[in-house]
Structures are given as structure tokens and as C-alpha cells.
Amino acid sequence: MKKAVGAGILVGASLLILGATIQLSQWGKPLPPRFHLLMARDRDQDGVSDEWAYQAGEGERVIFRDEDGDGRADRFLFFLGGELKWEVTRPAPILWRPGRAVSAPARHLVLCLDGVPFEIMAALWREGHFREFLPPERVISTFPADSDLALSVLLHAPPSPGYENRYFDRRTNRVSGGVRVTLRQDLPYHHRLDYAFPGVLRGPAYLFPEKAFFDDLARLRARFRASSKRVFIAHLSTTDVLFHVRSPERVRPLLLAVEQVVRELLLESRGALRITLLSDHGNTLSVVQRIALEEALRAAGYRVEERLRDARSVVIPGYGLIGAVALYARPEIVGDVCRIAQAVPGVDFCVFREWEGEMPVVIIEGQRGRARLRFDPMREAFRYEVMWGDPLQLLPLWEELRREGKADPDGFIPQAVLFEATVGHLYPDVVRRLYEAMGRRQVENPADLLLSLQDGYYFGSRRFDWFVRLRSTHGSATQRSSVGFVMSTDVRFARPLSASEVLPANGIVIQGR
């Protein structure tokens, strides 16, 4: 009898394993490409391709033509069996600039490709891909440059509890969230989305990133086709997973599967669908290593724990493996914790707040110096006051703007001027981003101290270290980490955008979706 029961259990377990293996083999199968490039032609002999012909299926052929020379295909011709079945000429692009309203289309797909850097998408466009779109423009993310915070700002959602799914709850004085929050996907910005990858698959995605990506893309396509919503907002989170665990050379070809899907949807609408592609932040695209932050704090006599018990307690609710760190501590020790943290190899600088009356003053301190950021809300202007050194490498730029007459006599410079001047800086739009991180309520439980790490370093849950070999990350204030992209089938952008500008610039006003 026991042998029979044992055999039954063995057979049952074998069947379960077999079933799981079959399920895994079928999960996330690559989407067969429908469009195959036949020819790229330079019709006006100016050295730039302006016509692309694609085989689109059995007897089907599609020709895209750029007739006004702006790089975007503005005329579509669809052939079946050699006979022209339909053609459409798309309207001239809309030029967006600050203060200009953009009209809403009949239908609009907004697709966030999590973590895709501007430089990757710009290179693909230059190579002739995504030519249904106008050239990509840069989007400057939040600080920290991480998805929960960046998507909250992009989608104009209420603040999330913390910077990541695991966070410190000040009311209960304990670390909360984690896997539970990941599985539920019930943060405020999730309610702005019409599609997001199921939370239960977020963990397996790091073990089988390509399968997860194709599954994510197929789910998105099916969900969009089944929807009748005029504005459909989707988040493809697995693109960020790919950059975390695969080399850029392996990720680039996979992004062309996105090109196939958006082309298919655009042709199904006969060019009537507006599509906006964007990303919430960039990626460092560099091999990374963990910083020894906890060890340094313990060596200095502090306890890293999940509650603030006394003046020796520091809470670090690290979760994802990213290039920024949120710390919580009693006010009287924040300066000392910053001094210890900035000396840890891989830490670029730390940021914390002091108060002058009701106005916060943001302090930046690192191995290269110490400075203050002050904000004048009436002028929408900032002042960078260096106490020693130059922690943000801004002094030469600040002096140049002063010489050009763009600074007020008291040293304040308008944010609009700073944005334009620092978009290409080592730390893009850094003054506003750091001030908003410390001087405004970006999350419900703001940190007492934030660290920005150098490219090549990260911090987060040690559990993830066990099964993820990290190849790239984001979160810090640096250029590569912070710069995503936006591109549209209909809208040309006059300049780079901040995260909060992206949807309004594409004609979308969210009112309690």
C-alpha cells in the first residue's frame, strides 16, 4: 500500500513538473515578425532614405514614404497581390513648445517602455527604425530616477507611499510593503494605467527576461485591441528588466519587436491612431557592484534596522537594485550619517534638508564639496550656494549664465533657464530635481537623506543579489541614469521635456482616470 501511495505521489509530482515545463516552454514565445524590410530608397537623392517597402504577409506589401523630409513616414500605401488597396497621407506634425496646447486625436496609445535610454532609441531611429515616428526627444526623469516615482510624476498621480515597493512608514515607524505591494499593483499611478504586466510575473521576469518581454508585449497588444478607450496608457515593465540583466547589444534587437507591434496597430487604424512612445528613466549600461553602506554605518556605531528606536538607528528600506538610496534617521544625526555615507566607495553625493522658517534649504554634500540650494517660488528661480568645492560641478555653468545676464543680481536663476542650460550636463536638470526630492512631497514618506551613486554602483535588497547578475541600473542623478525619451507619430517637440511635461505635450490631460 505504501509503495502504491509513494508511486502515486511520484507520478503526480512528475506530471506537475512536466506540466510546468510545458507551460514554461509555451510562455513568452517570440512574436513572429509580420513586417520584413524589402528595400530602403533615397527618392530625392539627398543621401537619406525616405521610402521603405515591407513584405507584410501573404501577398501583402506596405510602402512608407517621407514626402516632406522630416524623417517621419507621412504616406502609407498598402498593396495586396500587387494591387493598391488603400493609401493615406497623414497630417503635418504638430509642433509642441511650452505654453502651446496640443489637440487630442480620435484615439491615442501611450506606451511607456520602462528604462529605455534616449541614446538607444535615438540610435535605432537614425538607423531607419521606428520611422512612423518623428525623431525622439529627451525626457529628464525624477530623482531618484526610479519607476514608482517617475511614473507617478509622468502620469500626474498622487504620491506613492515610498520611492519603491518596500518603504518606511513614518506613521507606524516600521518598514512596510515589499513583495505584497509588487503583487497587488495598487499604487496610485497603477490606477492611471490601462495595462501593466501582472505583479505575480515580475519576479520570474528576471529569470526568463526574454520570455517575460514577449509575454508582456503580446498581452499589451491583446489588451489594446480589446479596448475601446480613446486614450489607452500602457506600461511595458519588462524592457527595464532586459536592460538590468542583458547587454545593450542583446536588448536592441528585442526592441524591434515593439516596432513590429506599433506598426501593426498603426496600419490597422489606417494611420488614424496617434502613438506616443516614452520611457520613465534611462539606464547606466555599465557593469555594477554593490556599495558597502550598511557595513560603514555599523562600523561607526549605528544600527541598520527596520524601526527608528533611538539616535543610533538608521532605516534603509532598500528593495530594487538601483543607484539611489533612501535613508531615515533622527534629525540630529542626519549630518553625521551623510558624512559616513559619502565616504563609501561608489557614493557620489548625499542630499538632505534643513529649514529656514517654512522654506526648506537643500544641502548637497560629497567628496567634491558642499553646497546649498535655495528656491524662490515667486520667481520660480534657484540659487546654488557653494560652501566649499563644487559637489554638482555647476560653478562654471552658473558663472557663464551670470555673465550672459541670465541671473538676477542676488544670484537666483530662473528654472526655465537652468533646464535649458543643464539638459546635457553630467547631472541633467539637477537643481530642480534635487530640490523637488528634498523640498517637496514627492512621496508620502519622504527620506531624511538621499544618496546618489556613481554609475557602476548600486544598493538594494540582498535577496535580489542571490539570483540577479546586474548589468545596468538607474536611480542616480547622472545623465545615463536620468535621461529617457519620448517620440510621437504626430507631435514634434521643440526641446527636451521634464517628466511632468510629457503627457500635456502630447495632448493628454488626466482628470481622475
Protein backbone atom coordinates (compact mmCIF):
# COMPACT_ATOMS: atom_id res chain seq x y z
CA MET A 1 0.00 0.00 0.00
CA LYS A 2 2.79 2.40 0.97
CA LYS A 3 4.61 1.62 -2.26
CA ALA A 4 1.46 2.35 -4.24
CA VAL A 5 0.97 5.68 -2.45
CA GLY A 6 4.63 6.57 -2.97
CA ALA A 7 4.41 5.68 -6.63
CA GLY A 8 1.26 7.79 -6.93
CA ILE A 9 2.96 10.78 -5.35
CA LEU A 10 5.96 10.33 -7.63
CA VAL A 11 3.74 10.12 -10.72
CA GLY A 12 1.76 13.16 -9.58
CA ALA A 13 4.91 15.18 -8.95
CA SER A 14 6.31 14.12 -12.32
CA LEU A 15 3.11 15.23 -14.05
CA LEU A 16 3.24 18.59 -12.26
CA ILE A 17 6.85 19.11 -13.29
CA LEU A 18 6.03 18.07 -16.86
CA GLY A 19 3.06 20.41 -16.93
CA ALA A 20 5.12 23.30 -15.57
CA THR A 21 7.85 22.59 -18.12
CA ILE A 22 5.35 22.59 -20.98
CA GLN A 23 3.75 25.77 -19.63
CA LEU A 24 7.14 27.47 -19.35
CA SER A 25 8.14 26.40 -22.86
CA GLN A 26 4.93 27.91 -24.26
CA TRP A 27 5.13 31.08 -22.15
CA GLY A 28 6.54 34.17 -23.79
CA LYS A 29 7.15 32.71 -27.24
CA PRO A 30 8.69 35.32 -29.58
CA LEU A 31 6.12 37.22 -31.62
CA PRO A 32 6.64 36.26 -35.28
CA PRO A 33 7.58 39.43 -37.18
CA ARG A 34 4.93 40.40 -39.69
CA PHE A 35 6.94 43.08 -41.49
CA HIS A 36 10.15 42.32 -43.37
CA LEU A 37 12.12 45.14 -44.96
CA LEU A 38 12.40 44.71 -48.73
CA MET A 39 14.03 48.00 -49.63
CA ALA A 40 15.02 51.41 -48.29
CA ARG A 41 15.30 54.04 -51.02
CA ASP A 42 16.57 57.59 -51.29
CA ARG A 43 13.98 59.04 -53.68
CA ASP A 44 15.28 62.63 -53.77
CA GLN A 45 19.00 61.70 -53.80
CA ASP A 46 19.86 63.74 -50.70
CA GLY A 47 21.74 60.90 -49.04
CA VAL A 48 18.91 59.99 -46.63
CA SER A 49 16.41 57.15 -47.09
CA ASP A 50 12.85 58.42 -47.48
CA GLU A 51 10.95 55.34 -48.69
CA TRP A 52 10.70 51.95 -47.02
CA ALA A 53 9.00 48.90 -48.55
CA TYR A 54 7.95 45.97 -46.34
CA GLN A 55 6.61 42.50 -47.01
CA ALA A 56 3.63 42.37 -44.65
CA GLY A 57 2.21 38.88 -45.11
CA GLU A 58 0.96 36.55 -47.82
CA GLY A 59 0.80 38.77 -50.90
CA GLU A 60 0.81 41.94 -48.77
CA ARG A 61 3.21 44.84 -49.18
CA VAL A 62 3.40 48.18 -47.40
CA ILE A 63 5.26 51.27 -48.56
CA PHE A 64 6.08 54.12 -46.18
CA ARG A 65 7.14 57.44 -47.69
CA ASP A 66 8.61 60.51 -46.08
CA GLU A 67 7.43 63.18 -48.50
CA ASP A 68 8.29 66.31 -46.52
CA GLY A 69 11.82 65.30 -45.48
CA ASP A 70 11.32 65.37 -41.71
CA GLY A 71 12.32 61.72 -41.20
CA ARG A 72 8.77 60.51 -40.48
CA ALA A 73 6.79 58.40 -42.95
CA ASP A 74 3.79 60.58 -43.75
CA ARG A 75 2.27 58.49 -46.55
CA PHE A 76 1.25 54.83 -46.28
CA LEU A 77 0.42 52.63 -49.28
CA PHE A 78 -0.98 49.12 -48.78
CA PHE A 79 -0.82 46.56 -51.62
CA LEU A 80 -2.46 43.15 -51.85
CA GLY A 81 -1.47 40.86 -54.70
CA GLY A 82 0.28 43.76 -56.41
CA GLU A 83 -2.87 45.93 -56.34
CA LEU A 84 -3.04 49.15 -54.31
CA LYS A 85 -5.84 48.59 -51.80
CA TRP A 86 -5.60 51.80 -49.81
CA GLU A 87 -3.35 54.74 -49.13
CA VAL A 88 -3.36 57.51 -46.59
CA THR A 89 -1.49 60.78 -46.20
CA ARG A 90 -1.04 61.77 -42.60
CA PRO A 91 -1.50 65.33 -41.32
CA ALA A 92 1.52 67.58 -40.90
CA PRO A 93 3.19 67.20 -37.49
CA ILE A 94 2.11 69.37 -34.58
CA LEU A 95 4.96 71.41 -33.10
CA TRP A 96 4.83 71.47 -29.31
CA ARG A 97 6.50 74.21 -27.34
CA PRO A 98 5.92 75.34 -23.75
CA GLY A 99 2.55 77.03 -23.38
CA ARG A 100 1.14 75.61 -26.59
CA ALA A 101 -1.84 73.25 -26.36
CA VAL A 102 -1.83 70.10 -28.50
CA SER A 103 -5.11 68.85 -29.93
CA ALA A 104 -6.38 65.40 -28.96
CA PRO A 105 -6.72 62.71 -31.65
CA ALA A 106 -9.61 60.30 -32.16
CA ARG A 107 -7.57 57.54 -30.48
CA HIS A 108 -4.24 57.59 -28.69
CA LEU A 109 -1.93 54.81 -27.49
CA VAL A 110 0.62 55.92 -24.90
CA LEU A 111 3.23 53.23 -24.30
CA CYS A 112 5.94 53.55 -21.65
CA LEU A 113 8.95 51.34 -22.38
CA ASP A 114 10.42 51.19 -18.91
CA GLY A 115 14.09 52.09 -18.62
CA VAL A 116 14.90 52.51 -22.34
CA PRO A 117 17.65 55.15 -22.58
CA PHE A 118 17.37 58.03 -25.03
CA GLU A 119 20.66 57.09 -26.65
CA ILE A 120 19.40 53.60 -27.54
CA MET A 121 16.15 54.79 -29.11
CA ALA A 122 17.85 57.69 -30.91
CA ALA A 123 20.36 55.26 -32.46
CA LEU A 124 17.59 52.94 -33.65
CA TRP A 125 15.73 55.86 -35.24
CA ARG A 126 18.88 57.07 -37.02
CA GLU A 127 19.34 53.55 -38.40
CA GLY A 128 15.90 53.76 -40.05
CA HIS A 129 13.73 52.08 -37.41
CA PHE A 130 10.53 53.49 -35.91
CA ARG A 131 10.11 55.82 -38.91
CA GLU A 132 6.37 56.04 -38.31
CA PHE A 133 7.53 58.44 -35.57
CA LEU A 134 9.18 61.83 -35.52
CA PRO A 135 12.70 61.88 -34.01
CA PRO A 136 12.90 61.01 -30.31
CA GLU A 137 13.46 63.77 -27.78
CA ARG A 138 14.99 63.54 -24.33
CA VAL A 139 12.89 63.22 -21.17
CA ILE A 140 14.56 64.12 -17.88
CA SER A 141 13.38 61.79 -15.13
CA THR A 142 12.86 62.44 -11.44
CA PHE A 143 15.40 61.96 -8.69
CA PRO A 144 15.61 59.20 -7.69
CA ALA A 145 15.27 58.06 -11.30
CA ASP A 146 13.14 55.04 -10.48
CA SER A 147 9.84 53.79 -11.89
CA ASP A 148 7.43 54.25 -8.98
CA LEU A 149 8.38 57.88 -8.54
CA ALA A 150 8.89 58.69 -12.23
CA LEU A 151 5.59 57.11 -13.31
CA SER A 152 3.74 58.96 -10.57
CA VAL A 153 5.07 62.24 -11.98
CA LEU A 154 4.64 61.25 -15.63
CA LEU A 155 1.03 60.22 -15.05
CA HIS A 156 0.22 63.10 -12.67
CA ALA A 157 -0.81 60.60 -10.00
CA PRO A 158 -0.96 61.18 -6.23
CA PRO A 159 2.24 60.30 -4.34
CA SER A 160 3.07 56.66 -3.63
CA PRO A 161 3.92 55.63 -0.04
CA GLY A 162 7.63 55.44 -0.82
CA TYR A 163 10.27 55.54 -3.52
CA GLU A 164 9.93 51.80 -4.15
CA ASN A 165 7.53 48.97 -3.31
CA ARG A 166 9.30 48.49 0.04
CA TYR A 167 9.24 51.68 2.08
CA PHE A 168 9.47 53.19 5.55
CA ASP A 169 6.08 54.12 7.01
CA ARG A 170 6.62 57.08 9.33
CA ARG A 171 3.18 56.75 10.95
CA THR A 172 3.76 53.18 12.12
CA ASN A 173 7.55 53.61 12.42
CA ARG A 174 8.35 50.44 10.51
CA VAL A 175 9.38 49.19 7.09
CA SER A 176 6.35 48.12 5.09
CA GLY A 177 5.37 46.87 1.64
CA GLY A 178 7.71 44.74 -0.44
CA VAL A 179 6.50 41.71 -2.37
CA ARG A 180 2.92 42.33 -1.26
CA VAL A 181 2.89 45.74 -2.97
CA THR A 182 4.53 44.31 -6.09
CA LEU A 183 1.89 41.59 -6.38
CA ARG A 184 -1.10 43.85 -5.73
CA GLN A 185 -0.04 46.69 -8.07
CA ASP A 186 -2.33 49.06 -6.23
CA LEU A 187 -0.17 52.18 -6.04
CA PRO A 188 -1.86 55.43 -7.13
CA TYR A 189 -0.17 55.52 -10.54
CA HIS A 190 -1.37 51.98 -11.31
CA HIS A 191 -4.90 53.39 -11.45
CA ARG A 192 -3.79 55.64 -14.32
CA LEU A 193 -2.73 52.62 -16.40
CA ASP A 194 -4.89 50.60 -18.76
CA TYR A 195 -2.27 47.86 -18.99
CA ALA A 196 0.58 46.72 -16.74
CA PHE A 197 2.46 43.42 -16.53
CA PRO A 198 0.93 41.15 -13.83
CA GLY A 199 2.68 41.57 -10.50
CA VAL A 200 2.92 37.81 -9.97
CA LEU A 201 5.21 37.59 -13.03
CA ARG A 202 7.58 40.39 -12.03
CA GLY A 203 9.93 38.01 -10.16
CA PRO A 204 10.08 35.27 -12.84
CA ALA A 205 10.80 38.02 -15.39
CA TYR A 206 14.35 38.32 -14.02
CA LEU A 207 14.94 34.59 -14.51
CA PHE A 208 13.40 34.45 -18.00
CA PRO A 209 13.66 38.04 -19.27
CA GLU A 210 13.12 37.40 -22.99
CA LYS A 211 10.08 35.19 -22.35
CA ALA A 212 8.63 37.78 -19.99
CA PHE A 213 9.21 40.56 -22.52
CA PHE A 214 7.40 38.77 -25.34
CA ASP A 215 4.58 37.82 -22.99
CA ASP A 216 4.31 41.44 -21.83
CA LEU A 217 4.21 42.70 -25.42
CA ALA A 218 1.61 40.14 -26.50
CA ARG A 219 -0.60 40.98 -23.50
CA LEU A 220 -0.36 44.68 -24.30
CA ARG A 221 -1.37 44.15 -27.94
CA ALA A 222 -4.33 41.95 -26.99
CA ARG A 223 -5.50 44.35 -24.27
CA PHE A 224 -5.33 47.35 -26.61
CA ARG A 225 -7.23 45.58 -29.38
CA ALA A 226 -9.94 44.58 -26.91
CA SER A 227 -10.29 48.13 -25.59
CA SER A 228 -12.39 50.97 -26.97
CA LYS A 229 -10.85 53.66 -24.74
CA ARG A 230 -9.95 56.85 -26.57
CA VAL A 231 -6.70 57.22 -24.60
CA PHE A 232 -5.01 53.93 -23.69
CA ILE A 233 -1.98 54.17 -21.38
CA ALA A 234 0.27 51.12 -21.06
CA HIS A 235 3.45 50.30 -19.15
CA LEU A 236 5.84 47.69 -20.55
CA SER A 237 7.95 47.00 -17.45
CA THR A 238 9.98 44.13 -18.92
CA THR A 239 12.11 46.41 -21.11
CA ASP A 240 13.78 47.61 -17.91
CA VAL A 241 14.30 44.00 -16.82
CA LEU A 242 16.10 43.34 -20.09
CA PHE A 243 18.49 46.23 -19.54
CA HIS A 244 19.12 45.13 -15.95
CA VAL A 245 20.25 41.61 -16.87
CA ARG A 246 21.22 41.68 -20.56
CA SER A 247 23.83 43.64 -22.51
CA PRO A 248 22.64 46.55 -24.70
CA GLU A 249 23.67 44.54 -27.76
CA ARG A 250 21.20 41.80 -26.82
CA VAL A 251 18.39 44.21 -25.94
CA ARG A 252 18.45 46.37 -29.08
CA PRO A 253 17.14 43.64 -31.45
CA LEU A 254 14.35 42.83 -28.98
CA LEU A 255 13.14 46.43 -29.08
CA LEU A 256 12.40 45.90 -32.77
CA ALA A 257 9.55 43.61 -31.67
CA VAL A 258 7.96 46.76 -30.22
CA GLU A 259 8.40 48.40 -33.63
CA GLN A 260 6.54 45.48 -35.23
CA VAL A 261 3.60 45.75 -32.82
CA VAL A 262 3.13 49.53 -33.01
CA ARG A 263 3.42 49.39 -36.82
CA GLU A 264 0.75 46.70 -36.91
CA LEU A 265 -1.60 48.74 -34.71
CA LEU A 266 -1.00 51.91 -36.71
CA LEU A 267 -1.78 50.18 -40.01
CA GLU A 268 -4.90 48.57 -38.55
CA SER A 269 -6.15 52.10 -37.91
CA ARG A 270 -5.05 53.21 -41.41
CA GLY A 271 -2.88 55.89 -39.85
CA ALA A 272 -5.61 57.37 -37.64
CA LEU A 273 -4.10 56.19 -34.35
CA ARG A 274 -1.71 58.52 -32.55
CA ILE A 275 1.06 56.64 -30.74
CA THR A 276 3.37 58.10 -28.14
CA LEU A 277 6.35 56.03 -27.03
CA LEU A 278 8.27 57.12 -23.96
CA SER A 279 10.43 55.89 -21.11
CA ASP A 280 10.41 56.82 -17.45
CA HIS A 281 14.19 56.94 -16.95
CA GLY A 282 17.42 55.78 -18.53
CA ASN A 283 19.95 53.06 -17.65
CA THR A 284 23.65 53.23 -16.90
CA LEU A 285 24.54 50.42 -19.37
CA SER A 286 27.55 49.56 -17.24
CA VAL A 287 28.65 46.66 -15.07
CA VAL A 288 27.76 47.40 -11.47
CA GLN A 289 28.76 46.45 -7.92
CA ARG A 290 27.12 46.87 -4.54
CA ILE A 291 28.17 49.64 -2.14
CA ALA A 292 29.16 48.71 1.42
CA LEU A 293 26.84 51.23 3.08
CA GLU A 294 25.49 49.11 5.93
CA GLU A 295 28.98 47.98 6.88
CA ALA A 296 30.21 51.60 7.07
CA LEU A 297 27.30 52.68 9.27
CA ARG A 298 27.74 49.73 11.63
CA ALA A 299 31.47 50.41 11.87
CA ALA A 300 30.59 53.94 13.00
CA GLY A 301 28.33 52.62 15.76
CA TYR A 302 24.94 52.89 14.08
CA ARG A 303 22.35 50.12 13.83
CA VAL A 304 20.67 49.46 10.48
CA GLU A 305 17.20 48.24 11.41
CA GLU A 306 13.53 48.40 10.45
CA ARG A 307 12.42 50.94 13.10
CA LEU A 308 13.78 54.22 14.42
CA ARG A 309 14.31 53.26 18.06
CA ASP A 310 16.76 55.97 19.10
CA ALA A 311 19.54 58.24 17.84
CA ARG A 312 21.67 55.26 16.78
CA SER A 313 19.01 53.79 14.46
CA VAL A 314 19.11 54.15 10.67
CA VAL A 315 16.43 52.67 8.42
CA ILE A 316 17.30 51.81 4.81
CA PRO A 317 14.31 50.11 3.12
CA GLY A 318 16.31 49.01 0.07
CA TYR A 319 14.37 46.91 -2.46
CA GLY A 320 15.32 47.04 -6.12
CA LEU A 321 18.99 47.09 -7.08
CA ILE A 322 19.30 50.75 -8.05
CA GLY A 323 21.70 53.69 -7.98
CA ALA A 324 19.96 55.75 -5.29
CA VAL A 325 19.40 55.10 -1.59
CA ALA A 326 16.76 56.48 0.79
CA LEU A 327 17.72 56.69 4.47
CA TYR A 328 15.65 57.59 7.53
CA ALA A 329 17.15 58.80 10.80
CA ARG A 330 16.62 61.18 13.71
CA PRO A 331 17.24 64.83 12.68
CA GLU A 332 20.23 65.25 14.98
CA ILE A 333 22.25 62.51 13.24
CA VAL A 334 21.42 63.19 9.57
CA GLY A 335 24.58 65.25 9.04
CA ASP A 336 26.79 62.56 10.57
CA VAL A 337 25.12 59.79 8.56
CA CYS A 338 25.75 61.86 5.42
CA ARG A 339 29.42 62.27 6.36
CA ILE A 340 29.80 58.49 6.77
CA ALA A 341 27.84 57.62 3.63
CA GLN A 342 29.66 60.00 1.30
CA ALA A 343 32.96 58.31 2.17
CA VAL A 344 31.70 54.91 0.99
CA PRO A 345 33.22 53.99 -2.40
CA GLY A 346 30.57 54.40 -5.10
CA VAL A 347 28.59 57.15 -3.35
CA ASP A 348 28.61 60.32 -5.46
CA PHE A 349 26.86 62.70 -3.08
CA CYS A 350 24.16 62.88 -0.43
CA VAL A 351 21.19 65.25 -0.19
CA PHE A 352 19.24 66.31 2.87
CA ARG A 353 17.11 69.25 4.01
CA GLU A 354 17.42 71.99 6.58
CA TRP A 355 14.75 74.56 7.40
CA GLU A 356 14.79 78.35 7.43
CA GLY A 357 11.36 79.23 8.72
CA GLU A 358 8.88 77.42 6.49
CA MET A 359 11.24 77.18 3.50
CA PRO A 360 13.44 74.12 3.05
CA VAL A 361 17.07 74.57 2.14
CA VAL A 362 18.54 71.56 0.35
CA ILE A 363 22.09 70.53 1.28
CA ILE A 364 24.30 68.61 -1.17
CA GLU A 365 27.48 67.09 0.20
CA GLY A 366 30.05 64.76 -1.31
CA GLN A 367 33.77 64.24 -1.71
CA ARG A 368 33.88 67.15 -4.19
CA GLY A 369 32.27 69.72 -1.94
CA ARG A 370 29.26 71.03 -0.06
CA ALA A 371 26.55 73.41 -1.30
CA ARG A 372 23.05 74.72 -0.60
CA LEU A 373 20.08 75.05 -2.95
CA ARG A 374 17.56 77.79 -2.27
CA PHE A 375 14.29 78.31 -4.14
CA ASP A 376 12.28 81.48 -4.68
CA PRO A 377 8.69 80.43 -5.50
CA MET A 378 7.69 83.92 -6.68
CA ARG A 379 10.38 83.93 -9.37
CA GLU A 380 10.48 80.15 -9.95
CA ALA A 381 14.24 80.55 -9.53
CA PHE A 382 17.08 78.79 -7.72
CA ARG A 383 20.38 79.81 -6.14
CA TYR A 384 23.37 77.48 -5.81
CA GLU A 385 25.48 78.49 -2.79
CA VAL A 386 28.82 76.72 -2.55
CA MET A 387 30.34 76.37 0.92
CA TRP A 388 33.41 74.59 -0.40
CA GLY A 389 34.31 72.77 -3.61
CA ASP A 390 31.57 72.20 -6.19
CA PRO A 391 29.61 68.97 -5.49
CA LEU A 392 27.34 69.27 -8.55
CA GLN A 393 30.02 70.62 -10.94
CA LEU A 394 27.81 73.65 -11.61
CA LEU A 395 30.02 76.66 -10.79
CA PRO A 396 31.43 77.22 -14.33
CA LEU A 397 27.93 76.99 -15.82
CA TRP A 398 26.47 79.29 -13.14
CA GLU A 399 29.16 81.90 -13.77
CA GLU A 400 28.60 81.71 -17.53
CA LEU A 401 24.87 82.30 -17.10
CA ARG A 402 25.65 85.23 -14.80
CA ARG A 403 27.98 86.76 -17.44
CA GLU A 404 25.25 86.34 -20.06
CA GLY A 405 22.85 88.33 -17.89
CA LYS A 406 20.57 85.36 -17.19
CA ALA A 407 20.97 85.54 -13.40
CA ASP A 408 19.31 88.04 -11.10
CA PRO A 409 21.61 90.35 -9.09
CA ASP A 410 21.18 88.17 -5.99
CA GLY A 411 22.37 85.07 -7.87
CA PHE A 412 18.99 83.41 -8.47
CA ILE A 413 18.47 81.91 -11.94
CA PRO A 414 15.02 81.02 -13.35
CA GLN A 415 14.27 77.30 -13.61
CA ALA A 416 13.46 77.61 -17.34
CA VAL A 417 16.98 78.95 -17.95
CA LEU A 418 18.57 76.24 -15.79
CA PHE A 419 16.65 73.48 -17.54
CA GLU A 420 17.93 74.54 -20.95
CA ALA A 421 21.48 75.02 -19.67
CA THR A 422 21.76 71.69 -17.81
CA VAL A 423 19.95 69.21 -20.09
CA GLY A 424 23.31 67.97 -21.37
CA HIS A 425 25.10 68.30 -18.02
CA LEU A 426 26.62 65.39 -16.09
CA TYR A 427 23.57 65.77 -13.83
CA PRO A 428 20.69 66.92 -16.09
CA ASP A 429 18.18 69.42 -14.65
CA VAL A 430 19.80 68.61 -11.33
CA VAL A 431 18.86 71.72 -9.36
CA ARG A 432 15.11 71.30 -9.77
CA ARG A 433 15.25 67.52 -9.35
CA LEU A 434 17.22 67.60 -6.10
CA TYR A 435 15.10 70.40 -4.69
CA GLU A 436 11.87 68.57 -5.51
CA ALA A 437 13.30 65.38 -3.99
CA MET A 438 14.01 67.06 -0.66
CA GLY A 439 11.91 70.23 -0.61
CA ARG A 440 8.59 68.88 -1.86
CA ARG A 441 6.37 65.91 -1.07
CA GLN A 442 7.19 63.51 -3.92
CA VAL A 443 6.20 60.50 -1.80
CA GLU A 444 4.05 60.10 1.31
CA ASN A 445 7.09 59.16 3.41
CA PRO A 446 9.99 61.31 2.18
CA ALA A 447 13.51 60.30 3.17
CA ASP A 448 15.65 62.25 5.59
CA LEU A 449 18.66 61.63 3.39
CA LEU A 450 19.05 60.52 -0.25
CA LEU A 451 22.24 59.18 -1.81
CA SER A 452 23.08 59.41 -5.49
CA LEU A 453 25.59 56.76 -6.55
CA GLN A 454 28.22 56.84 -9.25
CA ASP A 455 27.50 54.93 -12.45
CA GLY A 456 28.70 51.39 -11.85
CA TYR A 457 27.33 51.05 -8.30
CA TYR A 458 24.03 50.03 -6.73
CA PHE A 459 22.25 49.29 -3.47
CA GLY A 460 19.13 47.25 -2.66
CA SER A 461 17.77 44.01 -1.25
CA ARG A 462 20.41 41.32 -0.77
CA ARG A 463 17.80 38.73 -1.71
CA PHE A 464 17.84 40.00 -5.28
CA ASP A 465 21.63 39.72 -5.32
CA TRP A 466 21.23 35.96 -4.96
CA PHE A 467 19.62 35.40 -8.36
CA VAL A 468 20.24 38.55 -10.42
CA ARG A 469 23.52 39.34 -12.10
CA LEU A 470 23.10 43.05 -12.66
CA ARG A 471 24.47 44.57 -15.89
CA SER A 472 22.88 48.01 -15.67
CA THR A 473 20.80 50.09 -13.31
CA HIS A 474 19.29 53.54 -12.76
CA GLY A 475 18.17 55.75 -9.91
CA SER A 476 21.08 58.19 -9.58
CA ALA A 477 21.18 61.80 -10.77
CA THR A 478 23.65 61.06 -13.58
CA GLN A 479 22.97 61.60 -17.28
CA ARG A 480 22.69 57.96 -18.33
CA SER A 481 20.51 57.01 -15.40
CA SER A 482 18.22 60.00 -15.76
CA VAL A 483 17.52 60.52 -19.46
CA GLY A 484 14.67 58.65 -21.08
CA PHE A 485 12.94 59.52 -24.34
CA VAL A 486 9.63 60.48 -25.92
CA MET A 487 8.60 60.17 -29.57
CA SER A 488 5.27 60.62 -31.29
CA THR A 489 3.65 59.75 -34.59
CA ASP A 490 2.08 63.23 -34.66
CA VAL A 491 3.94 65.65 -32.36
CA ARG A 492 7.38 67.21 -32.76
CA PHE A 493 8.93 68.56 -29.57
CA ALA A 494 10.70 71.91 -29.62
CA ARG A 495 13.04 70.95 -26.75
CA PRO A 496 13.69 68.20 -24.19
CA LEU A 497 10.96 67.68 -21.61
CA SER A 498 10.72 67.11 -17.88
CA ALA A 499 8.70 64.07 -16.81
CA SER A 500 5.68 66.15 -15.81
CA GLU A 501 5.51 67.81 -19.24
CA VAL A 502 5.27 64.64 -21.32
CA LEU A 503 1.54 63.91 -21.30
CA PRO A 504 0.36 67.54 -21.66
CA ALA A 505 2.81 67.96 -24.55
CA ASN A 506 1.04 65.06 -26.25
CA GLY A 507 -2.44 66.49 -25.77
CA ILE A 508 -3.38 64.42 -22.70
CA VAL A 509 -4.89 65.96 -19.59
CA ILE A 510 -5.56 63.39 -16.86
CA GLN A 511 -8.51 64.14 -14.63
CA GLY A 512 -9.02 61.31 -12.17
CA ARG A 513 -8.79 58.40 -14.61
